Protein backbone atom coordinates (compact mmCIF):
# COMPACT_ATOMS: atom_id res chain seq x y z
CA UNK A 1 -0.06 0.04 -0.14
CA UNK A 2 1.86 3.79 -1.37
CA UNK A 3 -0.71 5.81 0.83
CA UNK A 4 1.62 5.98 3.73
CA UNK A 5 2.26 9.05 6.33
CA UNK A 6 4.09 10.92 4.45
CA UNK A 7 2.05 10.76 1.29
CA UNK A 8 -0.57 12.21 3.84
CA UNK A 9 1.84 15.07 5.25
CA UNK A 10 2.31 16.44 1.15
CA UNK A 11 -1.67 16.01 1.06
CA UNK A 12 -2.38 17.78 3.99
CA UNK A 13 0.24 20.29 2.87
CA UNK A 14 -1.75 20.32 -0.71
CA UNK A 15 -5.40 20.53 1.01
CA UNK A 16 -4.08 23.25 2.85
CA UNK A 17 -2.85 25.30 -0.17
CA UNK A 18 -5.82 24.67 -2.01
CA UNK A 19 -9.09 24.48 -0.16
CA UNK A 20 -8.86 25.65 3.42
CA UNK A 21 -10.67 28.95 3.66
CA UNK A 22 -13.12 27.03 0.82
CA UNK A 23 -17.09 26.61 0.59
CA UNK A 24 -18.49 23.17 0.38
CA UNK A 25 -20.89 23.49 -2.60
CA UNK A 26 -21.53 19.67 -2.83
CA UNK A 27 -21.71 16.62 -0.73
CA UNK A 28 -22.43 13.18 -2.45
CA UNK A 29 -21.40 8.94 -2.01
CA UNK A 30 -19.50 8.55 -5.06
CA UNK A 31 -20.02 4.87 -3.87
CA UNK A 32 -20.64 2.94 -0.72
CA UNK A 33 -17.12 3.38 1.44
CA UNK A 34 -16.58 7.19 -0.44
CA UNK A 35 -17.22 10.60 -0.04
CA UNK A 36 -16.81 13.28 -3.04
CA UNK A 37 -17.40 17.16 -2.17
CA UNK A 38 -16.83 19.82 -4.26
CA UNK A 39 -15.29 22.69 -2.88
CA UNK A 40 -15.22 26.04 -4.53
CA UNK A 41 -11.61 27.81 -3.39
CA UNK A 42 -9.49 30.78 -4.93
CA UNK A 43 -11.89 31.59 -7.37
CA UNK A 44 -12.08 27.57 -8.29
CA UNK A 45 -14.40 24.29 -8.28
CA UNK A 46 -11.79 21.60 -6.49
CA UNK A 47 -13.15 17.25 -6.12
CA UNK A 48 -12.13 16.19 -2.85
CA UNK A 49 -12.34 12.00 -2.89
CA UNK A 50 -11.98 10.26 -0.04
CA UNK A 51 -12.25 6.61 -0.35
CA UNK A 52 -12.56 4.06 2.90
CA UNK A 53 -12.20 0.50 0.52
CA UNK A 54 -10.24 -1.51 2.21
CA UNK A 55 -7.98 -2.37 -0.70
CA UNK A 56 -7.75 1.49 -2.05
CA UNK A 57 -8.28 3.61 0.50
CA UNK A 58 -6.78 7.35 -0.26
CA UNK A 59 -7.85 10.58 0.05
CA UNK A 60 -6.98 13.66 -3.07
CA UNK A 61 -8.15 15.99 -5.64
CA UNK A 62 -9.56 14.49 -8.46
CA UNK A 63 -9.26 16.29 -11.95
CA UNK A 64 -12.91 14.86 -12.74
CA UNK A 65 -16.44 15.91 -11.92
CA UNK A 66 -17.49 13.77 -9.14
CA UNK A 67 -20.85 11.97 -9.71
CA UNK A 68 -22.89 10.32 -7.17
CA UNK A 69 -22.71 6.23 -7.59
CA UNK A 70 -25.44 5.58 -4.88
CA UNK A 71 -29.04 5.93 -5.21
CA UNK A 72 -29.46 5.61 -1.24
CA UNK A 73 -29.55 8.62 0.59
CA UNK A 74 -28.11 7.16 3.78
CA UNK A 75 -27.62 8.59 7.53
CA UNK A 76 -24.24 10.03 6.87
CA UNK A 77 -24.90 11.60 3.89
CA UNK A 78 -28.28 13.63 5.48
CA UNK A 79 -25.52 14.56 8.15
CA UNK A 80 -23.11 16.14 5.69
CA UNK A 81 -25.78 17.96 3.84
CA UNK A 82 -26.35 19.11 7.51
CA UNK A 83 -23.42 20.12 8.52
CA UNK A 84 -20.20 20.09 5.96
CA UNK A 85 -22.35 21.17 2.89
CA UNK A 86 -22.61 24.95 2.78
CA UNK A 87 -19.73 25.49 5.09
CA UNK A 88 -16.46 26.58 5.25
CA UNK A 89 -12.92 24.54 5.37
CA UNK A 90 -11.25 25.86 8.82
CA UNK A 91 -8.38 23.11 8.86
CA UNK A 92 -6.76 21.17 7.52
CA UNK A 93 -4.72 18.57 9.94
CA UNK A 94 -2.68 15.63 10.20
CA UNK A 95 -2.16 13.74 13.61
CA UNK A 96 1.57 13.39 14.02
CA UNK A 97 2.65 10.79 11.36
CA UNK A 98 -0.65 9.25 10.65
CA UNK A 99 -2.33 7.74 7.86
CA UNK A 100 -4.86 9.79 9.07
CA UNK A 101 -6.60 14.11 7.82
CA UNK A 102 -8.74 15.87 10.38
CA UNK A 103 -10.81 18.43 8.04
CA UNK A 104 -12.31 21.03 10.33
CA UNK A 105 -15.87 22.36 8.50
CA UNK A 106 -17.60 25.65 9.96
CA UNK A 107 -20.88 25.35 9.50
CA UNK A 108 -24.52 27.53 10.83
CA UNK A 109 -25.66 24.41 12.17
CA UNK A 110 -22.85 23.40 14.08
CA UNK A 111 -18.58 22.73 13.20
CA UNK A 112 -17.81 19.51 12.16
CA UNK A 113 -14.67 17.41 11.90
CA UNK A 114 -14.19 14.79 9.07
CA UNK A 115 -12.17 12.41 9.64
CA UNK A 116 -10.38 10.28 6.85
CA UNK A 117 -8.26 7.39 8.01
CA UNK A 118 -6.58 5.62 5.13
CA UNK A 119 -5.19 2.44 6.91
CA UNK A 120 -6.05 -0.60 4.59
CA UNK A 121 -8.87 -3.11 5.21
CA UNK A 122 -9.45 -0.72 8.67
CA UNK A 123 -10.27 2.58 6.58
CA UNK A 124 -12.85 5.09 7.54
CA UNK A 125 -14.18 7.96 7.26
CA UNK A 126 -16.32 9.61 9.86
CA UNK A 127 -18.01 12.84 10.81
CA UNK A 128 -17.35 14.37 14.76
CA UNK A 129 -19.11 17.08 16.07
CA UNK A 130 -17.22 19.48 18.00
CA UNK A 131 -17.61 18.13 21.07
CA UNK A 132 -16.00 14.68 19.85
CA UNK A 133 -18.96 12.54 19.65
CA UNK A 134 -19.20 10.39 16.72
CA UNK A 135 -22.27 12.17 14.55
CA UNK A 136 -21.39 8.53 11.75
CA UNK A 137 -18.90 7.02 9.03
CA UNK A 138 -19.09 5.21 6.29
CA UNK A 139 -18.30 1.74 8.40
CA UNK A 140 -20.33 1.68 11.80
CA UNK A 141 -17.72 -0.25 14.08
CA UNK A 142 -19.77 -1.93 16.87
CA UNK A 143 -18.08 -3.33 20.65
CA UNK A 144 -18.69 -6.87 19.15
CA UNK A 145 -16.29 -6.17 16.38
CA UNK A 146 -14.01 -3.66 18.80
CA UNK A 147 -13.19 -3.87 21.69
CA UNK A 148 -11.14 -1.18 22.05
CA UNK A 149 -12.66 1.87 19.37
CA UNK A 150 -16.21 1.12 18.31
CA UNK A 151 -17.29 3.94 16.10
CA UNK A 152 -21.05 4.43 16.42
CA UNK A 153 -23.41 7.57 16.36
CA UNK A 154 -23.15 9.53 19.59
CA UNK A 155 -20.00 8.12 20.95
CA UNK A 156 -16.87 9.75 21.73
CA UNK A 157 -14.21 9.77 19.01
CA UNK A 158 -11.55 7.95 19.82
CA UNK A 159 -8.22 7.63 17.33
CA UNK A 160 -7.14 4.24 16.31
CA UNK A 161 -4.74 2.63 18.89
CA UNK A 162 -0.72 4.14 18.85
CA UNK A 163 1.71 2.00 17.50
CA UNK A 164 4.16 0.41 19.60
CA UNK A 165 6.89 1.91 17.39
CA UNK A 166 9.99 4.27 17.57
CA UNK A 167 8.39 7.94 16.90
CA UNK A 168 10.89 9.13 13.60
CA UNK A 169 11.20 12.01 15.04
CA UNK A 170 13.25 10.31 18.39
CA UNK A 171 15.59 8.02 15.85
CA UNK A 172 19.00 7.85 16.77
CA UNK A 173 22.31 6.03 15.59
CA UNK A 174 22.11 3.90 18.47
CA UNK A 175 18.54 3.50 18.65
CA UNK A 176 18.45 2.58 14.54
CA UNK A 177 21.25 -0.14 15.18
CA UNK A 178 18.68 -1.81 17.89
CA UNK A 179 15.85 -1.70 15.85
CA UNK A 180 18.31 -3.85 13.20
CA UNK A 181 20.14 -5.84 16.12
CA UNK A 182 16.31 -7.15 16.74
CA UNK A 183 15.86 -8.71 13.36
CA UNK A 184 17.63 -11.30 11.83
CA UNK A 185 20.47 -10.85 9.96
CA UNK A 186 19.20 -12.06 7.06
CA UNK A 187 15.78 -10.22 7.04
CA UNK A 188 15.93 -7.33 4.60
CA UNK A 189 16.88 -4.04 5.88
CA UNK A 190 13.34 -2.20 4.89
CA UNK A 191 11.83 -5.21 7.40
CA UNK A 192 12.93 -4.36 10.34
CA UNK A 193 12.53 -0.03 9.43
CA UNK A 194 9.22 -1.10 8.75
CA UNK A 195 8.51 -2.83 11.69
CA UNK A 196 10.48 -0.34 14.47
CA UNK A 197 9.98 3.03 13.18
CA UNK A 198 6.21 4.76 13.07
CA UNK A 199 4.79 5.88 9.90
CA UNK A 200 7.32 4.44 7.77
CA UNK A 201 5.99 1.94 5.36
CA UNK A 202 7.76 -0.84 2.91
CA UNK A 203 8.17 1.95 0.16
CA UNK A 204 9.75 4.51 2.17
CA UNK A 205 11.99 2.26 4.01
CA UNK A 206 13.06 0.20 0.21
CA UNK A 207 13.97 3.82 -1.23
CA UNK A 208 15.88 4.35 2.55
CA UNK A 209 18.05 1.24 2.17
CA UNK A 210 17.85 1.97 -1.66
CA UNK A 211 19.91 5.53 -0.74
CA UNK A 212 22.15 4.24 1.45
CA UNK A 213 22.83 0.86 0.42
CA UNK A 214 22.48 0.76 -3.58
CA UNK A 215 20.19 -1.95 -2.83
CA UNK A 216 17.10 -1.51 -1.91
CA UNK A 217 16.77 -5.59 -0.76
CA UNK A 218 20.13 -5.62 1.32
CA UNK A 219 19.66 -7.65 4.33
CA UNK A 220 21.01 -6.74 8.11
CA UNK A 221 23.91 -8.44 7.85
CA UNK A 222 25.58 -6.06 5.08
CA UNK A 223 25.27 -2.99 7.18
CA UNK A 224 28.94 -1.93 8.40
CA UNK A 225 27.46 1.99 9.14
CA UNK A 226 24.72 2.75 10.87
CA UNK A 227 24.89 6.70 9.70
CA UNK A 228 24.41 6.31 5.98
CA UNK A 229 21.08 4.79 6.69
CA UNK A 230 20.65 7.51 9.46
CA UNK A 231 21.48 10.29 7.56
CA UNK A 232 19.08 8.82 4.51
CA UNK A 233 16.29 8.55 6.74
CA UNK A 234 16.98 11.63 8.58
CA UNK A 235 16.56 13.64 5.04
CA UNK A 236 13.25 12.06 3.79
CA UNK A 237 11.74 13.63 6.46
CA UNK A 238 12.77 16.95 5.93
CA UNK A 239 9.52 17.95 3.66
CA UNK A 240 7.54 17.01 6.95
CA UNK A 241 9.24 20.09 7.99
CA UNK A 242 9.99 22.54 5.30
CA UNK A 243 6.63 21.40 3.32
CA UNK A 244 8.49 21.13 0.37
CA UNK A 245 7.54 17.69 -1.63
CA UNK A 246 8.79 16.04 -5.35
CA UNK A 247 6.16 14.31 -5.88
CA UNK A 248 6.43 11.73 -8.34
CA UNK A 249 4.95 8.12 -10.20
CA UNK A 250 6.59 5.32 -11.74
CA UNK A 251 5.94 3.71 -14.91
CA UNK A 252 6.15 0.06 -16.82
CA UNK A 253 5.41 0.77 -19.93
CA UNK A 254 1.79 2.85 -19.66
CA UNK A 255 1.20 1.56 -16.41
CA UNK A 256 1.65 3.59 -12.90
CA UNK A 257 3.15 1.32 -10.54
CA UNK A 258 4.64 3.02 -7.94
CA UNK A 259 3.69 6.79 -6.77
CA UNK A 260 5.23 8.77 -3.54
CA UNK A 261 5.61 12.23 -2.51
CA UNK A 262 9.46 12.39 -2.74
CA UNK A 263 11.34 10.76 -5.81
CA UNK A 264 11.35 6.47 -6.38
CA UNK A 265 15.57 6.54 -7.18
CA UNK A 266 14.82 3.15 -6.53
CA UNK A 267 13.37 2.52 -10.03
CA UNK A 268 15.90 3.48 -11.63
CA UNK A 269 13.24 5.95 -13.78
CA UNK A 270 10.63 8.35 -12.01
CA UNK A 271 8.10 11.11 -13.60
CA UNK A 272 7.99 13.92 -11.78
CA UNK A 273 4.33 15.27 -11.44
CA UNK A 274 2.52 18.24 -10.40
CA UNK A 275 0.98 17.20 -7.36
CA UNK A 276 0.93 14.53 -4.66
CA UNK A 277 -2.98 14.43 -5.92
CA UNK A 278 -1.69 13.54 -9.44
CA UNK A 279 -0.14 11.13 -7.96
CA UNK A 280 -2.23 9.45 -6.30
CA UNK A 281 -5.16 9.86 -9.02
CA UNK A 282 -3.09 8.48 -11.72
CA UNK A 283 -2.31 5.26 -10.00
CA UNK A 284 -5.64 4.42 -8.87
CA UNK A 285 -6.94 5.80 -12.30
CA UNK A 286 -4.53 3.30 -13.51
CA UNK A 287 -5.55 0.20 -11.12
CA UNK A 288 -9.35 1.09 -11.11
CA UNK A 289 -9.48 1.74 -15.35
CA UNK A 290 -11.22 -0.36 -18.02
CA UNK A 291 -10.04 -3.20 -16.92
CA UNK A 292 -11.02 -3.30 -13.59
CA UNK A 293 -14.62 -1.86 -14.38
CA UNK A 294 -15.06 -4.29 -16.96
CA UNK A 295 -14.32 -6.88 -14.49
CA UNK A 296 -16.95 -5.16 -12.75
CA UNK A 297 -18.83 -5.41 -15.72
CA UNK A 298 -18.58 -8.51 -16.00
CA UNK A 299 -19.63 -9.57 -12.36
CA UNK A 300 -22.73 -7.21 -12.10
CA UNK A 301 -23.57 -8.87 -15.40
CA UNK A 302 -22.92 -12.75 -13.71
CA UNK A 303 -25.15 -11.69 -10.80
CA UNK A 304 -27.99 -10.26 -13.31
CA UNK A 305 -27.82 -13.59 -15.50
CA UNK A 306 -27.95 -15.57 -12.12
CA UNK A 307 -30.73 -13.91 -11.30
CA UNK A 308 -32.60 -13.82 -14.31
CA UNK A 309 -32.37 -17.43 -14.06
CA UNK A 310 -33.91 -17.99 -10.86
CA UNK A 311 -36.95 -16.22 -11.24
CA UNK A 312 -37.43 -18.54 -15.18
CA UNK A 313 -37.08 -21.30 -12.78
CA UNK A 314 -39.91 -19.92 -10.07
CA UNK A 315 -41.97 -18.73 -12.67
CA UNK A 316 -41.43 -22.33 -14.57
CA UNK A 317 -42.45 -23.54 -11.05
CA UNK A 318 -45.66 -21.49 -10.85
CA UNK A 319 -47.23 -22.10 -14.41
CA UNK A 320 -47.01 -26.16 -14.07
CA UNK A 321 -48.70 -25.35 -10.12
CA UNK A 322 -51.54 -23.42 -12.17
CA UNK A 323 -54.62 -25.30 -12.25
CA UNK A 324 -58.16 -23.84 -13.65
CA UNK A 325 -60.98 -22.81 -12.37
CA UNK A 326 -62.90 -25.84 -13.96
CA UNK A 327 -60.11 -28.57 -12.47
CA UNK A 328 -60.24 -26.65 -8.54
CA UNK A 329 -64.24 -27.01 -8.72
CA UNK A 330 -63.55 -31.21 -9.95
CA UNK A 331 -61.38 -31.65 -6.49
CA UNK A 332 -64.60 -30.56 -4.72
CA UNK A 333 -67.15 -32.35 -6.78
CA UNK A 334 -65.23 -35.29 -6.29
CA UNK A 335 -64.98 -35.02 -3.02
CA UNK A 336 -68.68 -34.05 -2.40
CA UNK A 337 -69.20 -37.19 -5.44
CA UNK A 338 -67.65 -40.13 -2.58
CA UNK A 339 -69.34 -38.89 0.16
CA UNK A 340 -72.62 -39.38 -1.68
CA UNK A 341 -72.02 -42.27 -2.97
CA UNK A 342 -69.89 -43.89 -0.29
CA UNK A 343 -71.98 -46.94 0.04
CA UNK A 344 -71.41 -47.91 -3.35
CA UNK A 345 -67.61 -47.98 -2.70
CA UNK A 346 -66.03 -51.49 -1.74
CA UNK A 347 -62.81 -51.94 0.06
CA UNK A 348 -59.93 -52.07 -1.79
CA UNK A 349 -61.93 -50.55 -4.79
CA UNK A 350 -59.63 -48.44 -7.14
CA UNK A 351 -62.38 -46.24 -8.98
CA UNK A 352 -65.84 -44.81 -8.39
CA UNK A 353 -67.83 -44.29 -11.40
CA UNK A 354 -70.72 -41.89 -10.24
CA UNK A 355 -73.63 -42.17 -11.15
CA UNK A 356 -74.45 -38.87 -12.48
CA UNK A 357 -74.64 -36.95 -15.58
CA UNK A 358 -71.68 -36.97 -17.89
CA UNK A 359 -70.55 -39.48 -15.62
CA UNK A 360 -67.83 -38.87 -13.34
CA UNK A 361 -65.05 -41.29 -12.89
CA UNK A 362 -62.95 -40.51 -9.70
CA UNK A 363 -60.01 -42.35 -8.65
CA UNK A 364 -59.44 -43.95 -5.10
CA UNK A 365 -56.42 -45.05 -2.97
CA UNK A 366 -57.69 -48.24 -1.83
CA UNK A 367 -55.86 -48.01 0.94
CA UNK A 368 -58.31 -45.40 2.66
CA UNK A 369 -61.67 -45.31 3.25
CA UNK A 370 -64.29 -43.77 1.60
CA UNK A 371 -64.43 -40.64 4.13
CA UNK A 372 -60.75 -40.48 3.74
CA UNK A 373 -60.53 -40.56 0.25
CA UNK A 374 -63.20 -37.41 0.44
CA UNK A 375 -60.95 -35.81 2.67
CA UNK A 376 -57.70 -35.99 0.29
CA UNK A 377 -59.94 -34.24 -2.63
CA UNK A 378 -60.67 -31.77 -0.22
CA UNK A 379 -57.28 -30.82 1.00
CA UNK A 380 -56.10 -30.50 -2.55
CA UNK A 381 -58.98 -28.38 -3.25
CA UNK A 382 -58.04 -26.34 -0.69
CA UNK A 383 -55.36 -25.95 -2.07
CA UNK A 384 -55.99 -25.64 -5.56
CA UNK A 385 -57.73 -23.04 -5.01
CA UNK A 386 -55.48 -20.71 -3.11
CA UNK A 387 -52.72 -21.53 -6.00
CA UNK A 388 -55.84 -20.53 -8.34
CA UNK A 389 -55.69 -16.59 -5.99
CA UNK A 390 -52.08 -16.67 -5.61
CA UNK A 391 -50.29 -18.06 -8.44
CA UNK A 392 -51.88 -14.97 -10.97
CA UNK A 393 -50.30 -12.62 -8.43
CA UNK A 394 -46.80 -14.02 -8.27
CA UNK A 395 -46.62 -15.08 -11.73
CA UNK A 396 -47.34 -11.21 -12.70
CA UNK A 397 -44.71 -10.11 -9.71
CA UNK A 398 -42.28 -12.81 -12.30
CA UNK A 399 -43.09 -11.02 -14.70
CA UNK A 400 -41.83 -7.41 -13.68
CA UNK A 401 -38.65 -8.65 -12.00
CA UNK A 402 -37.76 -10.33 -15.61
CA UNK A 403 -38.19 -6.88 -17.19
CA UNK A 404 -37.09 -5.06 -13.93
CA UNK A 405 -33.10 -7.76 -14.80
CA UNK A 406 -33.56 -6.83 -18.27
CA UNK A 407 -33.54 -2.98 -17.64
CA UNK A 408 -30.55 -3.24 -15.25
CA UNK A 409 -28.64 -5.35 -17.86
CA UNK A 410 -29.28 -2.44 -20.48
CA UNK A 411 -28.49 0.07 -18.07
CA UNK A 412 -25.48 -1.97 -17.64
CA UNK A 413 -24.52 -1.74 -21.70
CA UNK A 414 -25.16 2.13 -21.61
CA UNK A 415 -23.04 2.72 -18.34
CA UNK A 416 -20.46 4.52 -19.36
CA UNK A 417 -17.99 5.16 -15.67
CA UNK A 418 -18.22 3.60 -12.17
C-alpha cells in the first residue's frame, strides 16, 4: 500500500494550499465506501475524494467532476448535507506521522470534523461533532467488532490505537542500531525499519535502504555503518518540516506502478508530477481503470444472469402448479361424490364411477376409507383454490422482476463510468 504517512503529510500541505477557506458546495457518495465534495476555493471548483475501500483507500483532489454512484440516501449523507454542505473548510490537520487527516468544517448548523483514516482494511471516514462525538461514519464499528474502539453515533471518537513503534523524530544512531540488532541477520533491512519505526511504509523503507546502500533488498548482515541509513532517513523527513515535496510516479510501459511524495530512485526511472493528488489519481485510475471496470461489469452481468435464471425457474414452477377454476371445482365435486355414494364403494376399490350426467370417474386410494378418500380430495381442492388465487399475482410479479432485470442489463450496457 503506497498511501503512507508521508503521502498523507504531502496531501495535507496540498489541501491547505488548495481548499483551506473554501466553501463546500456539494457532498455526495460516489460509492458506499467513499465521500466526495465539491469545494469552491480561490476562484475555482475543486473536487475532493475520500475512500475507505479496504484495498484502495485514499484521499486526493481529482481533476474529474465527481458524480453520485449510489442512489441510497444514507444517514451519513444526510448529516453531511446538514453540517458540511454550505460550510467552510477551516482546518486541515494530520496527527503526527499517522495516515489520518482531520478536515474541520465551520457551518451555521454546527462545526464538525471530517476524519479520513487511510489504514487498509481498517480505513474509515467519520463525521465528528465539535464536542468529539461521532455523528456517523462510512463503516460503523460495534463493540462486538472492536473492544478498544467503537465507531457508532453519539459515542466519543477514539483515535486509532498508537503503534508500539519508535517515533520518527526520535530515531538516533543508537536506536536505529537497536532496531537492526533485533532483526535476523538475513532479514531485509527495510522490513526491520517498517517494524520498528512509526509511519514508515515498505516503499519508504526500501527507498531509504536503496539510497544508503544501493540495494533496496539489502539484508541486516550487510550493514557496516549505521550513519548512512540514519542520514538518508532524516533527509527524507525534511519535506515534512519544510513543506517541500517532489511528487512522482513510476511507470512500466503505460502503467503507473508506484507513486510517492519524494523521488523513487529505487526504480531507476521516475517521473515528477505537479502534485501528490495527481500522482495518487494516476495510480488509482490505472488500478481501477478499464480492466477493473470491465471486470466489475462482468461480475454485475453474471449476478443479473443468476437472478434472471432464478426468476425463470420460479416462473416455470408457478406455471406447472397453475390450475384452472374448472379443475379446482372438479376436485371439490369429486370429494362430494365420494361422500354421496360411499355406500357403493367396496374395500380395496380403486375407482368410483359416480352415477351422474355426464358420468364422473373418480380415482380412489384402495388403502383409504371412503371418508378418507373424500378428505384427500377436499385437501387438494383447498390447496388448488389457494394456488388459483395466488399464482396469477406471483406470475405477474415474476414478469415484473424479469423486466426489471432486463432494464438493469440495459443500464449496465450503457454505463460509461463507475
